[in-house]
Amino acid sequence: MVGIDDSEVGTMFARMQTVAARPQDDSLVERVTELVSGHPGFAGLILLEDTAGGGAMVTLWQSREDAELASERSRAHGPRPVTLLSDDIYEVADDITGAATGAPGAALVGYFDGPLTPARVVAATRAGRDRVGPVLKRLPTLLRTLILWDPDDRRFAVIHLATSPAGLDAVVTAVTSTELLPGEDPALLTGPDRVHRHAVRTYLVPDRGPFPDAGRGPA
């Protein structure tokens, strides 16, 4: 369980939108990516797909206002091409870089439903900072881990981006195999309420551009 410091949330924001049926037209995906990446405050995009036909788009923004206005700015160019199941804005509490490079091929999204108690937040913060975080930074199959925090509903989501499905398995094994530190209470360190695995269809970082070799097969 990677934690968050409830008093020191990140300055970047993430918007996570999920759909039951993702676009199949590659040209449409490219148009959406180009449109969204042109909005003010854009800081990154991750397009995910699952084997059931659904998926998610995670976009990163420099301010909450830019995250909130993104859809309105997109609608100025035409109607939304898909129907959303959910649309949530989070603060980026942590952004961990792993040892891997290149394009991510698989992602795991874990949801910790709120409201989390203050004790759970404190416990998660210590676990992430002192136990899990150092392991993540050394993993050869991990590219990035994003910790997303919703202070209003006191919930968070964790996104692991790995080199491949097998690489993602290695990430999960490494994280779940860490030994508790002295004084940690396992009752406060419960796992995510929901976990979804995805293939990474598009990964866009503003200063590096898109990764055309991002994984396209199901995770």
C-alpha atoms as a PDB file:
ATOM      1  CA  MET A   1       0.000   0.000   0.000  1.00  0.00           C
ATOM      2  CA  VAL A   2       1.567   3.279  -1.068  1.00  0.00           C
ATOM      3  CA  GLY A   3       0.558   6.188   1.072  1.00  0.00           C
ATOM      4  CA  ILE A   4      -0.222   9.846   0.955  1.00  0.00           C
ATOM      5  CA  ASP A   5       0.608  12.711   3.230  1.00  0.00           C
ATOM      6  CA  ASP A   6      -2.765  14.296   3.906  1.00  0.00           C
ATOM      7  CA  SER A   7      -1.073  17.596   4.766  1.00  0.00           C
ATOM      8  CA  GLU A   8       1.287  17.754   1.781  1.00  0.00           C
ATOM      9  CA  VAL A   9      -0.639  16.929  -1.348  1.00  0.00           C
ATOM     10  CA  GLY A  10       0.947  17.407  -4.735  1.00  0.00           C
ATOM     11  CA  THR A  11       0.642  20.488  -6.885  1.00  0.00           C
ATOM     12  CA  MET A  12      -0.217  18.542 -10.047  1.00  0.00           C
ATOM     13  CA  PHE A  13      -3.696  17.165 -10.708  1.00  0.00           C
ATOM     14  CA  ALA A  14      -5.045  14.100 -12.455  1.00  0.00           C
ATOM     15  CA  ARG A  15      -8.376  13.518 -14.155  1.00  0.00           C
ATOM     16  CA  MET A  16      -9.432   9.894 -14.530  1.00  0.00           C
ATOM     17  CA  GLN A  17     -12.274   9.088 -16.910  1.00  0.00           C
ATOM     18  CA  THR A  18     -13.501   5.523 -17.436  1.00  0.00           C
ATOM     19  CA  VAL A  19     -15.625   4.109 -20.260  1.00  0.00           C
ATOM     20  CA  ALA A  20     -17.440   0.834 -20.840  1.00  0.00           C
ATOM     21  CA  ALA A  21     -16.621   0.858 -24.574  1.00  0.00           C
ATOM     22  CA  ARG A  22     -13.365   2.421 -25.722  1.00  0.00           C
ATOM     23  CA  PRO A  23     -12.868   3.866 -29.231  1.00  0.00           C
ATOM     24  CA  GLN A  24     -11.686   1.286 -31.750  1.00  0.00           C
ATOM     25  CA  ASP A  25     -10.792   3.794 -34.449  1.00  0.00           C
ATOM     26  CA  ASP A  26      -7.091   4.581 -34.178  1.00  0.00           C
ATOM     27  CA  SER A  27      -7.540   7.873 -35.995  1.00  0.00           C
ATOM     28  CA  LEU A  28     -10.122   8.922 -33.401  1.00  0.00           C
ATOM     29  CA  VAL A  29      -7.722   8.048 -30.594  1.00  0.00           C
ATOM     30  CA  GLU A  30      -5.047  10.151 -32.260  1.00  0.00           C
ATOM     31  CA  ARG A  31      -7.424  13.099 -32.654  1.00  0.00           C
ATOM     32  CA  VAL A  32      -8.498  12.935 -29.006  1.00  0.00           C
ATOM     33  CA  THR A  33      -4.877  12.718 -27.874  1.00  0.00           C
ATOM     34  CA  GLU A  34      -3.872  15.680 -30.024  1.00  0.00           C
ATOM     35  CA  LEU A  35      -6.848  17.726 -28.844  1.00  0.00           C
ATOM     36  CA  VAL A  36      -6.399  17.076 -25.133  1.00  0.00           C
ATOM     37  CA  SER A  37      -2.642  17.579 -25.216  1.00  0.00           C
ATOM     38  CA  GLY A  38      -3.167  21.035 -26.679  1.00  0.00           C
ATOM     39  CA  HIS A  39      -5.174  22.337 -23.729  1.00  0.00           C
ATOM     40  CA  PRO A  40      -3.584  24.807 -21.281  1.00  0.00           C
ATOM     41  CA  GLY A  41      -1.817  23.184 -18.354  1.00  0.00           C
ATOM     42  CA  PHE A  42      -1.514  19.746 -19.982  1.00  0.00           C
ATOM     43  CA  ALA A  43       1.099  17.581 -18.234  1.00  0.00           C
ATOM     44  CA  GLY A  44       0.553  14.048 -19.532  1.00  0.00           C
ATOM     45  CA  LEU A  45      -1.872  11.419 -20.848  1.00  0.00           C
ATOM     46  CA  ILE A  46      -2.259   7.685 -20.283  1.00  0.00           C
ATOM     47  CA  LEU A  47      -4.843   5.777 -22.327  1.00  0.00           C
ATOM     48  CA  LEU A  48      -5.707   2.339 -20.928  1.00  0.00           C
ATOM     49  CA  GLU A  49      -7.725  -0.569 -22.313  1.00  0.00           C
ATOM     50  CA  ASP A  50      -8.963  -3.824 -20.826  1.00  0.00           C
ATOM     51  CA  THR A  51     -10.000  -7.166 -22.265  1.00  0.00           C
ATOM     52  CA  ALA A  52     -13.723  -6.487 -21.698  1.00  0.00           C
ATOM     53  CA  GLY A  53     -13.786  -3.593 -24.173  1.00  0.00           C
ATOM     54  CA  GLY A  54     -13.616  -0.788 -21.632  1.00  0.00           C
ATOM     55  CA  GLY A  55     -10.843   1.480 -20.612  1.00  0.00           C
ATOM     56  CA  ALA A  56      -9.734   4.668 -18.963  1.00  0.00           C
ATOM     57  CA  MET A  57      -8.021   7.914 -19.813  1.00  0.00           C
ATOM     58  CA  VAL A  58      -5.822   9.520 -17.191  1.00  0.00           C
ATOM     59  CA  THR A  59      -4.735  13.076 -17.923  1.00  0.00           C
ATOM     60  CA  LEU A  60      -2.334  15.145 -15.836  1.00  0.00           C
ATOM     61  CA  TRP A  61      -2.650  18.906 -15.348  1.00  0.00           C
ATOM     62  CA  GLN A  62      -0.680  21.734 -13.793  1.00  0.00           C
ATOM     63  CA  SER A  63      -3.724  23.124 -11.946  1.00  0.00           C
ATOM     64  CA  ARG A  64      -7.142  22.007 -10.770  1.00  0.00           C
ATOM     65  CA  GLU A  65      -8.749  24.652 -12.952  1.00  0.00           C
ATOM     66  CA  ASP A  66      -7.115  23.227 -16.066  1.00  0.00           C
ATOM     67  CA  ALA A  67      -8.248  19.725 -15.080  1.00  0.00           C
ATOM     68  CA  GLU A  68     -11.819  20.913 -14.538  1.00  0.00           C
ATOM     69  CA  LEU A  69     -11.970  22.928 -17.770  1.00  0.00           C
ATOM     70  CA  ALA A  70     -10.468  20.222 -19.997  1.00  0.00           C
ATOM     71  CA  SER A  71     -13.809  18.700 -21.018  1.00  0.00           C
ATOM     72  CA  GLU A  72     -15.384  22.083 -21.675  1.00  0.00           C
ATOM     73  CA  ARG A  73     -12.441  23.024 -23.867  1.00  0.00           C
ATOM     74  CA  SER A  74     -12.734  19.733 -25.747  1.00  0.00           C
ATOM     75  CA  ARG A  75     -16.499  20.136 -26.297  1.00  0.00           C
ATOM     76  CA  ALA A  76     -15.780  23.351 -28.178  1.00  0.00           C
ATOM     77  CA  HIS A  77     -14.383  21.069 -30.908  1.00  0.00           C
ATOM     78  CA  GLY A  78     -17.346  18.663 -31.015  1.00  0.00           C
ATOM     79  CA  PRO A  79     -19.335  16.182 -28.896  1.00  0.00           C
ATOM     80  CA  ARG A  80     -17.639  13.596 -26.726  1.00  0.00           C
ATOM     81  CA  PRO A  81     -17.079  10.419 -28.806  1.00  0.00           C
ATOM     82  CA  VAL A  82     -17.680   8.009 -25.879  1.00  0.00           C
ATOM     83  CA  THR A  83     -19.980   7.721 -22.858  1.00  0.00           C
ATOM     84  CA  LEU A  84     -18.252   8.058 -19.495  1.00  0.00           C
ATOM     85  CA  LEU A  85     -18.791   5.690 -16.585  1.00  0.00           C
ATOM     86  CA  SER A  86     -16.901   7.908 -14.164  1.00  0.00           C
ATOM     87  CA  ASP A  87     -15.064  11.218 -14.197  1.00  0.00           C
ATOM     88  CA  ASP A  88     -12.937  12.122 -11.163  1.00  0.00           C
ATOM     89  CA  ILE A  89     -10.278  14.684 -10.350  1.00  0.00           C
ATOM     90  CA  TYR A  90      -7.460  13.883  -7.930  1.00  0.00           C
ATOM     91  CA  GLU A  91      -4.447  15.636  -6.530  1.00  0.00           C
ATOM     92  CA  VAL A  92      -1.167  13.935  -7.401  1.00  0.00           C
ATOM     93  CA  ALA A  93       0.240  13.122  -3.982  1.00  0.00           C
ATOM     94  CA  ASP A  94       3.319  11.355  -5.347  1.00  0.00           C
ATOM     95  CA  ASP A  95       4.897  10.595  -8.713  1.00  0.00           C
ATOM     96  CA  ILE A  96       7.517   7.849  -8.410  1.00  0.00           C
ATOM     97  CA  THR A  97       9.939   7.080 -11.232  1.00  0.00           C
ATOM     98  CA  GLY A  98      11.106   3.482 -11.548  1.00  0.00           C
ATOM     99  CA  ALA A  99      14.278   2.131 -13.116  1.00  0.00           C
ATOM    100  CA  ALA A 100      12.680   1.088 -16.428  1.00  0.00           C
ATOM    101  CA  THR A 101      12.769   3.263 -19.540  1.00  0.00           C
ATOM    102  CA  GLY A 102      10.788   3.441 -22.776  1.00  0.00           C
ATOM    103  CA  ALA A 103       7.097   2.786 -23.190  1.00  0.00           C
ATOM    104  CA  PRO A 104       4.849   1.170 -20.572  1.00  0.00           C
ATOM    105  CA  GLY A 105       3.043  -1.928 -21.781  1.00  0.00           C
ATOM    106  CA  ALA A 106       0.789  -2.678 -18.819  1.00  0.00           C
ATOM    107  CA  ALA A 107      -0.858  -0.839 -15.958  1.00  0.00           C
ATOM    108  CA  LEU A 108      -2.494  -1.711 -12.676  1.00  0.00           C
ATOM    109  CA  VAL A 109      -4.982   0.680 -11.095  1.00  0.00           C
ATOM    110  CA  GLY A 110      -5.890   0.101  -7.458  1.00  0.00           C
ATOM    111  CA  TYR A 111      -8.777   2.006  -5.886  1.00  0.00           C
ATOM    112  CA  PHE A 112      -8.941   2.676  -2.143  1.00  0.00           C
ATOM    113  CA  ASP A 113     -12.507   3.793  -1.511  1.00  0.00           C
ATOM    114  CA  GLY A 114     -13.163   6.444   1.086  1.00  0.00           C
ATOM    115  CA  PRO A 115     -13.658   7.899   3.439  1.00  0.00           C
ATOM    116  CA  LEU A 116     -10.325   6.721   4.831  1.00  0.00           C
ATOM    117  CA  THR A 117      -9.767   7.358   8.509  1.00  0.00           C
ATOM    118  CA  PRO A 118      -6.907   9.626   9.606  1.00  0.00           C
ATOM    119  CA  ALA A 119      -5.172   6.586  11.109  1.00  0.00           C
ATOM    120  CA  ARG A 120      -5.246   4.767   7.767  1.00  0.00           C
ATOM    121  CA  VAL A 121      -3.866   7.803   5.969  1.00  0.00           C
ATOM    122  CA  VAL A 122      -0.996   8.116   8.455  1.00  0.00           C
ATOM    123  CA  ALA A 123      -0.236   4.401   8.199  1.00  0.00           C
ATOM    124  CA  ALA A 124      -0.338   4.467   4.405  1.00  0.00           C
ATOM    125  CA  THR A 125       1.899   7.516   4.273  1.00  0.00           C
ATOM    126  CA  ARG A 126       4.567   5.877   6.396  1.00  0.00           C
ATOM    127  CA  ALA A 127       4.371   2.618   4.422  1.00  0.00           C
ATOM    128  CA  GLY A 128       4.705   4.420   1.115  1.00  0.00           C
ATOM    129  CA  ARG A 129       7.518   6.705   2.192  1.00  0.00           C
ATOM    130  CA  ASP A 130       9.642   4.303   4.229  1.00  0.00           C
ATOM    131  CA  ARG A 131       8.869   0.796   2.950  1.00  0.00           C
ATOM    132  CA  VAL A 132       7.202   0.575  -0.477  1.00  0.00           C
ATOM    133  CA  GLY A 133       8.530   3.708  -2.178  1.00  0.00           C
ATOM    134  CA  PRO A 134      12.217   2.736  -1.988  1.00  0.00           C
ATOM    135  CA  VAL A 135      11.399  -0.681  -3.467  1.00  0.00           C
ATOM    136  CA  LEU A 136       9.441   0.834  -6.354  1.00  0.00           C
ATOM    137  CA  LYS A 137      12.307   3.133  -7.332  1.00  0.00           C
ATOM    138  CA  ARG A 138      14.654   0.165  -7.762  1.00  0.00           C
ATOM    139  CA  LEU A 139      12.377  -2.107  -9.779  1.00  0.00           C
ATOM    140  CA  PRO A 140      13.737  -2.764 -13.293  1.00  0.00           C
ATOM    141  CA  THR A 141      10.244  -3.309 -14.764  1.00  0.00           C
ATOM    142  CA  LEU A 142       8.534  -0.215 -13.307  1.00  0.00           C
ATOM    143  CA  LEU A 143       8.404   3.039 -15.235  1.00  0.00           C
ATOM    144  CA  ARG A 144       6.180   5.115 -13.015  1.00  0.00           C
ATOM    145  CA  THR A 145       3.773   5.018 -10.082  1.00  0.00           C
ATOM    146  CA  LEU A 146       1.208   7.759  -9.551  1.00  0.00           C
ATOM    147  CA  ILE A 147      -0.508   8.216  -6.182  1.00  0.00           C
ATOM    148  CA  LEU A 148      -3.786  10.087  -6.652  1.00  0.00           C
ATOM    149  CA  TRP A 149      -5.591  11.603  -3.660  1.00  0.00           C
ATOM    150  CA  ASP A 150      -9.135  12.960  -3.366  1.00  0.00           C
ATOM    151  CA  PRO A 151      -9.216  15.100  -0.192  1.00  0.00           C
ATOM    152  CA  ASP A 152     -12.970  15.694  -0.356  1.00  0.00           C
ATOM    153  CA  ASP A 153     -13.992  12.030  -0.337  1.00  0.00           C
ATOM    154  CA  ARG A 154     -10.756  10.931   1.417  1.00  0.00           C
ATOM    155  CA  ARG A 155     -10.010   8.210  -1.106  1.00  0.00           C
ATOM    156  CA  PHE A 156      -7.156   7.509  -3.442  1.00  0.00           C
ATOM    157  CA  ALA A 157      -6.053   5.552  -6.489  1.00  0.00           C
ATOM    158  CA  VAL A 158      -2.647   4.082  -7.302  1.00  0.00           C
ATOM    159  CA  ILE A 159      -1.476   3.603 -10.884  1.00  0.00           C
ATOM    160  CA  HIS A 160       1.556   1.393 -11.616  1.00  0.00           C
ATOM    161  CA  LEU A 161       2.982   1.564 -15.150  1.00  0.00           C
ATOM    162  CA  ALA A 162       5.224  -1.371 -16.073  1.00  0.00           C
ATOM    163  CA  THR A 163       7.131  -2.572 -19.114  1.00  0.00           C
ATOM    164  CA  SER A 164       4.812  -5.527 -19.815  1.00  0.00           C
ATOM    165  CA  PRO A 165       2.189  -7.765 -18.161  1.00  0.00           C
ATOM    166  CA  ALA A 166       4.989  -9.950 -16.816  1.00  0.00           C
ATOM    167  CA  GLY A 167       6.806  -6.849 -15.634  1.00  0.00           C
ATOM    168  CA  LEU A 168       3.650  -5.734 -13.863  1.00  0.00           C
ATOM    169  CA  ASP A 169       3.487  -9.091 -12.071  1.00  0.00           C
ATOM    170  CA  ALA A 170       7.027  -8.455 -10.848  1.00  0.00           C
ATOM    171  CA  VAL A 171       5.972  -5.055  -9.512  1.00  0.00           C
ATOM    172  CA  VAL A 172       3.007  -6.520  -7.633  1.00  0.00           C
ATOM    173  CA  THR A 173       5.137  -9.315  -6.183  1.00  0.00           C
ATOM    174  CA  ALA A 174       7.816  -6.899  -5.025  1.00  0.00           C
ATOM    175  CA  VAL A 175       5.331  -4.548  -3.365  1.00  0.00           C
ATOM    176  CA  THR A 176       3.336  -7.266  -1.610  1.00  0.00           C
ATOM    177  CA  SER A 177       6.493  -9.037  -0.422  1.00  0.00           C
ATOM    178  CA  THR A 178       7.893  -6.124   1.557  1.00  0.00           C
ATOM    179  CA  GLU A 179       8.161  -6.813   5.285  1.00  0.00           C
ATOM    180  CA  LEU A 180       6.347  -4.550   7.704  1.00  0.00           C
ATOM    181  CA  LEU A 181       8.455  -2.025   9.541  1.00  0.00           C
ATOM    182  CA  PRO A 182       8.570  -1.988  13.349  1.00  0.00           C
ATOM    183  CA  GLY A 183       5.365  -0.482  14.704  1.00  0.00           C
ATOM    184  CA  GLU A 184       3.295  -0.904  11.546  1.00  0.00           C
ATOM    185  CA  ASP A 185      -0.238  -2.179  12.165  1.00  0.00           C
ATOM    186  CA  PRO A 186      -1.417  -4.578   9.440  1.00  0.00           C
ATOM    187  CA  ALA A 187      -5.042  -3.808  10.358  1.00  0.00           C
ATOM    188  CA  LEU A 188      -4.504  -0.293   9.007  1.00  0.00           C
ATOM    189  CA  LEU A 189      -2.766  -1.466   5.829  1.00  0.00           C
ATOM    190  CA  THR A 190      -5.564  -3.203   3.989  1.00  0.00           C
ATOM    191  CA  GLY A 191      -5.262  -3.645   0.243  1.00  0.00           C
ATOM    192  CA  PRO A 192      -7.219  -1.822  -2.440  1.00  0.00           C
ATOM    193  CA  ASP A 193     -10.982  -2.253  -2.638  1.00  0.00           C
ATOM    194  CA  ARG A 194     -10.800  -2.738  -6.421  1.00  0.00           C
ATOM    195  CA  VAL A 195      -7.965  -3.581  -8.786  1.00  0.00           C
ATOM    196  CA  HIS A 196      -8.018  -3.359 -12.590  1.00  0.00           C
ATOM    197  CA  ARG A 197      -5.312  -4.428 -15.013  1.00  0.00           C
ATOM    198  CA  HIS A 198      -4.973  -2.697 -18.352  1.00  0.00           C
ATOM    199  CA  ALA A 199      -2.866  -2.570 -21.451  1.00  0.00           C
ATOM    200  CA  VAL A 200      -1.375   0.845 -22.154  1.00  0.00           C
ATOM    201  CA  ARG A 201      -2.588   2.075 -25.511  1.00  0.00           C
ATOM    202  CA  THR A 202      -1.086   5.570 -25.429  1.00  0.00           C
ATOM    203  CA  TYR A 203       1.451   7.181 -23.130  1.00  0.00           C
ATOM    204  CA  LEU A 204       2.229  10.843 -23.710  1.00  0.00           C
ATOM    205  CA  VAL A 205       4.691  12.962 -21.753  1.00  0.00           C
ATOM    206  CA  PRO A 206       4.868  16.604 -22.883  1.00  0.00           C
ATOM    207  CA  ASP A 207       8.654  16.936 -22.903  1.00  0.00           C
ATOM    208  CA  ARG A 208       9.192  13.559 -24.580  1.00  0.00           C
ATOM    209  CA  GLY A 209       6.214  13.197 -26.868  1.00  0.00           C
ATOM    210  CA  PRO A 210       4.143  10.044 -27.490  1.00  0.00           C
ATOM    211  CA  PHE A 211       5.523   6.540 -27.185  1.00  0.00           C
ATOM    212  CA  PRO A 212       4.409   4.779 -30.390  1.00  0.00           C
ATOM    213  CA  ASP A 213       5.502   1.375 -29.086  1.00  0.00           C
ATOM    214  CA  ALA A 214       3.224   1.451 -26.044  1.00  0.00           C
ATOM    215  CA  GLY A 215       1.729  -1.954 -25.386  1.00  0.00           C
ATOM    216  CA  ARG A 216      -1.395  -2.734 -27.372  1.00  0.00           C
ATOM    217  CA  GLY A 217      -2.185  -6.280 -26.244  1.00  0.00           C
ATOM    218  CA  PRO A 218      -4.418  -7.051 -23.247  1.00  0.00           C
ATOM    219  CA  ALA A 219      -2.710  -7.007 -19.898  1.00  0.00           C
END
